[in-house]
Amino acid sequence: MRVLIFEDEPLAAERLVKLLCEYSNDIRVLTTIPSVEEAVEWLLENPLPDLILSDIHLADGLCFDIFKKVKVKCPVIFCTAYEEYALRAFQFHSIDYLLKPVKYSMLEQSLQKLEEMRSVSPLVPEPKIDDIISMMKSKEASYKSRFMVKLGAKIRAVKVEEIAYFYSHDKLNLLVTRDGYQYPVDYSLEELIQLLDPRHFFHINRKLIIHIDSAIEIHPYFKGRLKLVLDPPLNEEVLVSSQRTPLFKAWLDQ
């Protein structure tokens, strides 16, 4: 089976490739593509794959723009941290909607479902909306509600409601609370964004994940970027790239 992956986070793409290879030696990943523009170009210049795995938010926009520009008839499995796009996703030949972090058992079930579908009919059946809603509810409860952090010789539980942002500094990943306290955490930012509710947290750039209430000022910046002022303040410029600016605005307007 030939599989194409749309994913702008390198670690997430690598994980999907690893899980696919673990599932079957007969799977060949054609390539991983990080942007809408590149995906459209690839689809126009190559035969359709047997399956597409796609994140919702890509480097330059939502993956739905790909399917509006190119007629894609192969099945699609969406793999995303954003639960609110589930119903919309099933307009585009989707056979499943997996919420990150994607586990092997989740992907295995989706691939087995695809095999069963193909053994009966080459057509992809309509999804069951009740199943989608049930899956959304089960995932909602799995986001982290607190982080255990070290405070000297003690360990403290910090609720996510207390967190203003996470950022990387001098090879440390730090949790910053609304009252300005900082604590090191044992997660990478890539791992953290999978554990946090995407309605409340956004991965601004490689060094920073913010809570939606921590950006108190937003200013236009050079070349289509945005400059943020955070509370509590961060002693460095906080910039949103031009590629992530549309996603950031959509996140704020949810």
C-alpha atoms as a PDB file:
ATOM      1  CA  MET A   1       0.000   0.000   0.000  1.00  0.00           C
ATOM      2  CA  ARG A   2       1.338   3.429  -0.999  1.00  0.00           C
ATOM      3  CA  VAL A   3       0.786   6.088   1.679  1.00  0.00           C
ATOM      4  CA  LEU A   4       1.184   9.857   1.493  1.00  0.00           C
ATOM      5  CA  ILE A   5       1.536  11.950   4.686  1.00  0.00           C
ATOM      6  CA  PHE A   6       0.618  15.623   5.132  1.00  0.00           C
ATOM      7  CA  GLU A   7       2.241  16.800   8.388  1.00  0.00           C
ATOM      8  CA  ASP A   8       4.225  19.950   9.240  1.00  0.00           C
ATOM      9  CA  GLU A   9       5.689  18.723  12.547  1.00  0.00           C
ATOM     10  CA  PRO A  10       8.797  16.602  11.743  1.00  0.00           C
ATOM     11  CA  LEU A  11       8.548  14.497  14.892  1.00  0.00           C
ATOM     12  CA  ALA A  12       4.861  13.759  14.304  1.00  0.00           C
ATOM     13  CA  ALA A  13       5.626  12.785  10.690  1.00  0.00           C
ATOM     14  CA  GLU A  14       8.441  10.489  11.796  1.00  0.00           C
ATOM     15  CA  ARG A  15       6.135   8.857  14.328  1.00  0.00           C
ATOM     16  CA  LEU A  16       3.484   8.140  11.693  1.00  0.00           C
ATOM     17  CA  VAL A  17       6.086   6.602   9.400  1.00  0.00           C
ATOM     18  CA  LYS A  18       7.327   4.408  12.242  1.00  0.00           C
ATOM     19  CA  LEU A  19       3.799   3.258  13.155  1.00  0.00           C
ATOM     20  CA  LEU A  20       2.962   2.460   9.536  1.00  0.00           C
ATOM     21  CA  CYS A  21       6.129   0.393   9.143  1.00  0.00           C
ATOM     22  CA  GLU A  22       5.344  -1.385  12.390  1.00  0.00           C
ATOM     23  CA  TYR A  23       1.895  -2.279  11.060  1.00  0.00           C
ATOM     24  CA  SER A  24       3.077  -3.823   7.785  1.00  0.00           C
ATOM     25  CA  ASN A  25       6.208  -4.271   5.694  1.00  0.00           C
ATOM     26  CA  ASP A  26       3.999  -3.900   2.626  1.00  0.00           C
ATOM     27  CA  ILE A  27       3.356  -0.214   3.347  1.00  0.00           C
ATOM     28  CA  ARG A  28       5.491   2.254   1.397  1.00  0.00           C
ATOM     29  CA  VAL A  29       5.459   5.880   2.513  1.00  0.00           C
ATOM     30  CA  LEU A  30       5.818   7.945  -0.652  1.00  0.00           C
ATOM     31  CA  THR A  31       6.785  11.178   1.090  1.00  0.00           C
ATOM     32  CA  THR A  32       5.814  13.553   3.899  1.00  0.00           C
ATOM     33  CA  ILE A  33       4.620  17.027   2.927  1.00  0.00           C
ATOM     34  CA  PRO A  34       4.389  19.982   5.373  1.00  0.00           C
ATOM     35  CA  SER A  35       2.282  22.521   3.466  1.00  0.00           C
ATOM     36  CA  VAL A  36      -0.902  22.959   1.460  1.00  0.00           C
ATOM     37  CA  GLU A  37       0.975  24.431  -1.492  1.00  0.00           C
ATOM     38  CA  GLU A  38       3.427  21.528  -1.736  1.00  0.00           C
ATOM     39  CA  ALA A  39       0.653  18.966  -1.278  1.00  0.00           C
ATOM     40  CA  VAL A  40      -1.396  20.412  -4.138  1.00  0.00           C
ATOM     41  CA  GLU A  41       1.690  20.450  -6.370  1.00  0.00           C
ATOM     42  CA  TRP A  42       2.524  16.820  -5.528  1.00  0.00           C
ATOM     43  CA  LEU A  43      -1.024  15.586  -6.146  1.00  0.00           C
ATOM     44  CA  LEU A  44      -1.209  17.339  -9.510  1.00  0.00           C
ATOM     45  CA  GLU A  45       2.068  15.820 -10.666  1.00  0.00           C
ATOM     46  CA  ASN A  46       1.758  12.245  -9.320  1.00  0.00           C
ATOM     47  CA  PRO A  47      -0.713   9.348  -9.331  1.00  0.00           C
ATOM     48  CA  LEU A  48      -2.978   9.224  -6.288  1.00  0.00           C
ATOM     49  CA  PRO A  49      -1.684   7.119  -3.371  1.00  0.00           C
ATOM     50  CA  ASP A  50      -3.714   4.302  -1.848  1.00  0.00           C
ATOM     51  CA  LEU A  51      -4.116   6.249   1.388  1.00  0.00           C
ATOM     52  CA  ILE A  52      -3.446   9.737   2.764  1.00  0.00           C
ATOM     53  CA  LEU A  53      -2.689  10.502   6.409  1.00  0.00           C
ATOM     54  CA  SER A  54      -3.228  14.191   7.030  1.00  0.00           C
ATOM     55  CA  ASP A  55      -2.893  16.663   9.854  1.00  0.00           C
ATOM     56  CA  ILE A  56      -5.509  19.458   9.835  1.00  0.00           C
ATOM     57  CA  HIS A  57      -3.223  22.429  10.482  1.00  0.00           C
ATOM     58  CA  LEU A  58      -0.324  22.526   8.029  1.00  0.00           C
ATOM     59  CA  ALA A  59       2.454  25.086   7.696  1.00  0.00           C
ATOM     60  CA  ASP A  60       0.466  27.439   5.448  1.00  0.00           C
ATOM     61  CA  GLY A  61      -3.175  26.701   6.232  1.00  0.00           C
ATOM     62  CA  LEU A  62      -5.801  24.010   6.723  1.00  0.00           C
ATOM     63  CA  CYS A  63      -5.513  20.739   4.822  1.00  0.00           C
ATOM     64  CA  PHE A  64      -9.094  21.134   3.571  1.00  0.00           C
ATOM     65  CA  ASP A  65      -7.743  23.666   1.071  1.00  0.00           C
ATOM     66  CA  ILE A  66      -5.838  20.797  -0.565  1.00  0.00           C
ATOM     67  CA  PHE A  67      -8.980  18.784  -1.166  1.00  0.00           C
ATOM     68  CA  LYS A  68     -10.821  21.827  -2.513  1.00  0.00           C
ATOM     69  CA  LYS A  69      -8.111  22.403  -5.126  1.00  0.00           C
ATOM     70  CA  VAL A  70      -7.455  18.781  -6.092  1.00  0.00           C
ATOM     71  CA  LYS A  71     -10.054  16.066  -6.541  1.00  0.00           C
ATOM     72  CA  VAL A  72      -8.853  13.341  -4.180  1.00  0.00           C
ATOM     73  CA  LYS A  73     -10.734  10.051  -4.364  1.00  0.00           C
ATOM     74  CA  CYS A  74      -8.450   7.908  -2.208  1.00  0.00           C
ATOM     75  CA  PRO A  75      -9.331   7.386   1.492  1.00  0.00           C
ATOM     76  CA  VAL A  76      -7.988   9.812   4.087  1.00  0.00           C
ATOM     77  CA  ILE A  77      -7.179   9.303   7.766  1.00  0.00           C
ATOM     78  CA  PHE A  78      -6.944  12.605   9.615  1.00  0.00           C
ATOM     79  CA  CYS A  79      -4.428  12.777  12.501  1.00  0.00           C
ATOM     80  CA  THR A  80      -4.745  15.988  14.474  1.00  0.00           C
ATOM     81  CA  ALA A  81      -4.830  17.613  17.887  1.00  0.00           C
ATOM     82  CA  TYR A  82      -7.951  19.572  16.976  1.00  0.00           C
ATOM     83  CA  GLU A  83     -11.242  17.844  17.677  1.00  0.00           C
ATOM     84  CA  GLU A  84     -13.475  20.626  16.345  1.00  0.00           C
ATOM     85  CA  TYR A  85     -12.863  19.768  12.674  1.00  0.00           C
ATOM     86  CA  ALA A  86     -14.158  16.187  12.870  1.00  0.00           C
ATOM     87  CA  LEU A  87     -17.488  16.649  11.129  1.00  0.00           C
ATOM     88  CA  ARG A  88     -15.949  18.824   8.423  1.00  0.00           C
ATOM     89  CA  ALA A  89     -13.204  16.270   7.816  1.00  0.00           C
ATOM     90  CA  PHE A  90     -15.670  13.573   6.886  1.00  0.00           C
ATOM     91  CA  GLN A  91     -16.678  15.515   3.780  1.00  0.00           C
ATOM     92  CA  PHE A  92     -13.363  14.532   2.197  1.00  0.00           C
ATOM     93  CA  HIS A  93     -13.290  10.718   1.783  1.00  0.00           C
ATOM     94  CA  SER A  94     -12.257  10.292   5.399  1.00  0.00           C
ATOM     95  CA  ILE A  95     -12.402   6.850   6.955  1.00  0.00           C
ATOM     96  CA  ASP A  96     -11.207   7.926  10.401  1.00  0.00           C
ATOM     97  CA  TYR A  97     -10.283  10.919  12.550  1.00  0.00           C
ATOM     98  CA  LEU A  98      -7.484  10.224  15.041  1.00  0.00           C
ATOM     99  CA  LEU A  99      -6.625  12.652  17.787  1.00  0.00           C
ATOM    100  CA  LYS A 100      -2.995  13.156  18.715  1.00  0.00           C
ATOM    101  CA  PRO A 101      -0.969  11.724  20.237  1.00  0.00           C
ATOM    102  CA  VAL A 102      -1.670   8.930  17.748  1.00  0.00           C
ATOM    103  CA  LYS A 103      -1.086   5.526  19.341  1.00  0.00           C
ATOM    104  CA  TYR A 104      -0.302   2.345  17.468  1.00  0.00           C
ATOM    105  CA  SER A 105      -3.587   0.738  18.526  1.00  0.00           C
ATOM    106  CA  MET A 106      -5.541   3.691  17.109  1.00  0.00           C
ATOM    107  CA  LEU A 107      -3.812   3.597  13.734  1.00  0.00           C
ATOM    108  CA  GLU A 108      -4.017  -0.194  13.638  1.00  0.00           C
ATOM    109  CA  GLN A 109      -7.806  -0.065  14.016  1.00  0.00           C
ATOM    110  CA  SER A 110      -8.068   2.511  11.231  1.00  0.00           C
ATOM    111  CA  LEU A 111      -5.938   0.469   8.844  1.00  0.00           C
ATOM    112  CA  GLN A 112      -7.864  -2.688   9.646  1.00  0.00           C
ATOM    113  CA  LYS A 113     -11.090  -0.797   8.996  1.00  0.00           C
ATOM    114  CA  LEU A 114      -9.717   0.226   5.591  1.00  0.00           C
ATOM    115  CA  GLU A 115      -8.812  -3.367   4.768  1.00  0.00           C
ATOM    116  CA  GLU A 116     -12.301  -4.554   5.731  1.00  0.00           C
ATOM    117  CA  MET A 117     -13.902  -1.858   3.599  1.00  0.00           C
ATOM    118  CA  ARG A 118     -11.840  -2.817   0.582  1.00  0.00           C
ATOM    119  CA  SER A 119     -12.615  -6.486   1.000  1.00  0.00           C
ATOM    120  CA  VAL A 120     -16.330  -5.686   0.699  1.00  0.00           C
ATOM    121  CA  SER A 121     -16.346  -2.721  -1.671  1.00  0.00           C
ATOM    122  CA  PRO A 122     -13.863  -0.264  -3.190  1.00  0.00           C
ATOM    123  CA  LEU A 123     -16.154   2.536  -2.077  1.00  0.00           C
ATOM    124  CA  VAL A 124     -15.631   4.237   1.268  1.00  0.00           C
ATOM    125  CA  PRO A 125     -18.871   4.156   3.319  1.00  0.00           C
ATOM    126  CA  GLU A 126     -20.327   7.139   5.097  1.00  0.00           C
ATOM    127  CA  PRO A 127     -19.024   7.584   8.655  1.00  0.00           C
ATOM    128  CA  LYS A 128     -21.283   7.067  11.651  1.00  0.00           C
ATOM    129  CA  ILE A 129     -21.705  10.462  13.317  1.00  0.00           C
ATOM    130  CA  ASP A 130     -22.490   8.877  16.704  1.00  0.00           C
ATOM    131  CA  ASP A 131     -19.102   7.132  16.617  1.00  0.00           C
ATOM    132  CA  ILE A 132     -17.341  10.426  15.912  1.00  0.00           C
ATOM    133  CA  ILE A 133     -19.070  12.208  18.801  1.00  0.00           C
ATOM    134  CA  SER A 134     -18.310   9.335  21.164  1.00  0.00           C
ATOM    135  CA  MET A 135     -14.629   9.427  20.211  1.00  0.00           C
ATOM    136  CA  MET A 136     -14.491  13.207  20.758  1.00  0.00           C
ATOM    137  CA  LYS A 137     -15.904  12.864  24.260  1.00  0.00           C
ATOM    138  CA  SER A 138     -13.448  10.127  25.219  1.00  0.00           C
ATOM    139  CA  LYS A 139     -10.498  12.200  24.002  1.00  0.00           C
ATOM    140  CA  GLU A 140     -11.590  15.343  25.831  1.00  0.00           C
ATOM    141  CA  ALA A 141     -10.999  13.635  29.172  1.00  0.00           C
ATOM    142  CA  SER A 142      -7.466  12.548  28.216  1.00  0.00           C
ATOM    143  CA  TYR A 143      -5.795  15.989  28.102  1.00  0.00           C
ATOM    144  CA  LYS A 144      -3.583  16.691  31.097  1.00  0.00           C
ATOM    145  CA  SER A 145      -5.286  18.583  33.909  1.00  0.00           C
ATOM    146  CA  ARG A 146      -2.143  19.181  35.984  1.00  0.00           C
ATOM    147  CA  PHE A 147       1.645  18.893  35.902  1.00  0.00           C
ATOM    148  CA  MET A 148       3.804  17.650  38.753  1.00  0.00           C
ATOM    149  CA  VAL A 149       6.796  19.986  39.197  1.00  0.00           C
ATOM    150  CA  LYS A 150       9.717  20.168  41.620  1.00  0.00           C
ATOM    151  CA  LEU A 151       9.809  22.990  44.171  1.00  0.00           C
ATOM    152  CA  GLY A 152      13.113  22.557  45.983  1.00  0.00           C
ATOM    153  CA  ALA A 153      12.867  19.224  47.768  1.00  0.00           C
ATOM    154  CA  LYS A 154       9.099  19.174  47.354  1.00  0.00           C
ATOM    155  CA  ILE A 155       6.800  18.285  44.465  1.00  0.00           C
ATOM    156  CA  ARG A 156       3.894  20.544  43.577  1.00  0.00           C
ATOM    157  CA  ALA A 157       0.869  19.973  41.343  1.00  0.00           C
ATOM    158  CA  VAL A 158       0.242  22.847  38.935  1.00  0.00           C
ATOM    159  CA  LYS A 159      -3.224  22.873  37.375  1.00  0.00           C
ATOM    160  CA  VAL A 160      -3.396  23.750  33.678  1.00  0.00           C
ATOM    161  CA  GLU A 161      -5.657  26.688  34.587  1.00  0.00           C
ATOM    162  CA  GLU A 162      -2.662  28.213  36.395  1.00  0.00           C
ATOM    163  CA  ILE A 163      -0.321  27.963  33.375  1.00  0.00           C
ATOM    164  CA  ALA A 164       0.437  31.014  31.220  1.00  0.00           C
ATOM    165  CA  TYR A 165       2.889  29.361  28.827  1.00  0.00           C
ATOM    166  CA  PHE A 166       5.685  26.857  28.293  1.00  0.00           C
ATOM    167  CA  TYR A 167       8.983  27.901  26.743  1.00  0.00           C
ATOM    168  CA  SER A 168      12.449  26.571  25.981  1.00  0.00           C
ATOM    169  CA  HIS A 169      15.497  28.333  27.418  1.00  0.00           C
ATOM    170  CA  ASP A 170      19.108  27.131  27.699  1.00  0.00           C
ATOM    171  CA  LYS A 171      18.133  23.532  26.847  1.00  0.00           C
ATOM    172  CA  LEU A 172      15.435  23.531  29.537  1.00  0.00           C
ATOM    173  CA  ASN A 173      11.676  23.396  28.984  1.00  0.00           C
ATOM    174  CA  LEU A 174       9.947  25.604  31.521  1.00  0.00           C
ATOM    175  CA  LEU A 175       6.383  25.897  32.748  1.00  0.00           C
ATOM    176  CA  VAL A 176       5.452  29.503  33.644  1.00  0.00           C
ATOM    177  CA  THR A 177       2.437  30.154  35.845  1.00  0.00           C
ATOM    178  CA  ARG A 178       0.140  33.163  35.679  1.00  0.00           C
ATOM    179  CA  ASP A 179       1.809  34.596  38.796  1.00  0.00           C
ATOM    180  CA  GLY A 180       5.259  34.371  37.174  1.00  0.00           C
ATOM    181  CA  TYR A 181       6.739  31.264  38.787  1.00  0.00           C
ATOM    182  CA  GLN A 182       8.868  29.011  36.572  1.00  0.00           C
ATOM    183  CA  TYR A 183       9.331  25.256  36.873  1.00  0.00           C
ATOM    184  CA  PRO A 184      11.283  22.840  34.656  1.00  0.00           C
ATOM    185  CA  VAL A 185       9.232  20.054  33.044  1.00  0.00           C
ATOM    186  CA  ASP A 186      10.394  16.728  31.624  1.00  0.00           C
ATOM    187  CA  TYR A 187       8.487  17.054  28.345  1.00  0.00           C
ATOM    188  CA  SER A 188       9.593  18.498  25.014  1.00  0.00           C
ATOM    189  CA  LEU A 189       7.354  21.164  23.489  1.00  0.00           C
ATOM    190  CA  GLU A 190       6.348  18.652  20.803  1.00  0.00           C
ATOM    191  CA  GLU A 191       5.186  16.256  23.524  1.00  0.00           C
ATOM    192  CA  LEU A 192       3.464  19.014  25.487  1.00  0.00           C
ATOM    193  CA  ILE A 193       1.316  20.215  22.597  1.00  0.00           C
ATOM    194  CA  GLN A 194      -0.084  16.678  22.296  1.00  0.00           C
ATOM    195  CA  LEU A 195      -0.979  16.637  26.000  1.00  0.00           C
ATOM    196  CA  LEU A 196      -2.668  20.055  26.150  1.00  0.00           C
ATOM    197  CA  ASP A 197      -6.194  20.972  25.098  1.00  0.00           C
ATOM    198  CA  PRO A 198      -5.799  22.773  21.712  1.00  0.00           C
ATOM    199  CA  ARG A 199      -8.729  25.038  22.526  1.00  0.00           C
ATOM    200  CA  HIS A 200      -6.600  26.654  25.233  1.00  0.00           C
ATOM    201  CA  PHE A 201      -2.970  26.237  24.106  1.00  0.00           C
ATOM    202  CA  PHE A 202      -1.194  27.125  20.854  1.00  0.00           C
ATOM    203  CA  HIS A 203       2.324  26.253  19.641  1.00  0.00           C
ATOM    204  CA  ILE A 204       3.502  29.744  18.662  1.00  0.00           C
ATOM    205  CA  ASN A 205       6.988  28.768  17.492  1.00  0.00           C
ATOM    206  CA  ARG A 206       9.754  26.273  18.234  1.00  0.00           C
ATOM    207  CA  LYS A 207      10.345  27.778  21.676  1.00  0.00           C
ATOM    208  CA  LEU A 208       6.907  28.665  22.965  1.00  0.00           C
ATOM    209  CA  ILE A 209       3.427  27.304  23.717  1.00  0.00           C
ATOM    210  CA  ILE A 210       0.979  29.865  25.120  1.00  0.00           C
ATOM    211  CA  HIS A 211      -2.372  29.765  26.898  1.00  0.00           C
ATOM    212  CA  ILE A 212      -5.069  31.700  25.065  1.00  0.00           C
ATOM    213  CA  ASP A 213      -5.402  34.209  27.929  1.00  0.00           C
ATOM    214  CA  SER A 214      -1.675  34.979  28.199  1.00  0.00           C
ATOM    215  CA  ALA A 215      -1.441  37.110  25.010  1.00  0.00           C
ATOM    216  CA  ILE A 216      -2.575  40.520  26.247  1.00  0.00           C
ATOM    217  CA  GLU A 217      -1.404  42.505  23.194  1.00  0.00           C
ATOM    218  CA  ILE A 218      -1.039  41.550  19.533  1.00  0.00           C
ATOM    219  CA  HIS A 219       0.762  43.817  17.053  1.00  0.00           C
ATOM    220  CA  PRO A 220       1.359  43.524  13.292  1.00  0.00           C
ATOM    221  CA  TYR A 221       5.042  42.946  12.539  1.00  0.00           C
ATOM    222  CA  PHE A 222       7.316  42.804   9.488  1.00  0.00           C
ATOM    223  CA  LYS A 223       6.626  40.372   6.612  1.00  0.00           C
ATOM    224  CA  GLY A 224       3.158  39.310   7.753  1.00  0.00           C
ATOM    225  CA  ARG A 225       4.239  38.240  11.217  1.00  0.00           C
ATOM    226  CA  LEU A 226       2.669  39.118  14.566  1.00  0.00           C
ATOM    227  CA  LYS A 227       4.369  40.336  17.733  1.00  0.00           C
ATOM    228  CA  LEU A 228       2.824  39.348  21.063  1.00  0.00           C
ATOM    229  CA  VAL A 229       3.037  40.796  24.543  1.00  0.00           C
ATOM    230  CA  LEU A 230       2.550  38.122  27.181  1.00  0.00           C
ATOM    231  CA  ASP A 231       1.422  38.222  30.787  1.00  0.00           C
ATOM    232  CA  PRO A 232       3.585  37.495  32.675  1.00  0.00           C
ATOM    233  CA  PRO A 233       6.134  39.150  30.359  1.00  0.00           C
ATOM    234  CA  LEU A 234       8.829  37.120  28.607  1.00  0.00           C
ATOM    235  CA  ASN A 235      12.253  38.760  28.309  1.00  0.00           C
ATOM    236  CA  GLU A 236      12.524  38.235  24.541  1.00  0.00           C
ATOM    237  CA  GLU A 237      10.520  38.998  21.428  1.00  0.00           C
ATOM    238  CA  VAL A 238       7.510  36.752  20.929  1.00  0.00           C
ATOM    239  CA  LEU A 239       6.830  36.431  17.202  1.00  0.00           C
ATOM    240  CA  VAL A 240       4.298  34.398  15.235  1.00  0.00           C
ATOM    241  CA  SER A 241       5.603  33.489  11.777  1.00  0.00           C
ATOM    242  CA  SER A 242       3.712  34.572   8.641  1.00  0.00           C
ATOM    243  CA  GLN A 243       2.923  30.900   7.968  1.00  0.00           C
ATOM    244  CA  ARG A 244       1.377  30.332  11.391  1.00  0.00           C
ATOM    245  CA  THR A 245      -0.374  33.713  11.609  1.00  0.00           C
ATOM    246  CA  PRO A 246      -3.627  32.543   9.875  1.00  0.00           C
ATOM    247  CA  LEU A 247      -3.795  29.510  12.191  1.00  0.00           C
ATOM    248  CA  PHE A 248      -3.138  31.687  15.227  1.00  0.00           C
ATOM    249  CA  LYS A 249      -5.905  34.123  14.272  1.00  0.00           C
ATOM    250  CA  ALA A 250      -8.336  31.259  13.680  1.00  0.00           C
ATOM    251  CA  TRP A 251      -7.407  29.804  17.091  1.00  0.00           C
ATOM    252  CA  LEU A 252      -8.086  33.135  18.820  1.00  0.00           C
ATOM    253  CA  ASP A 253     -11.436  33.440  17.059  1.00  0.00           C
ATOM    254  CA  GLN A 254     -12.729  29.994  18.062  1.00  0.00           C
END
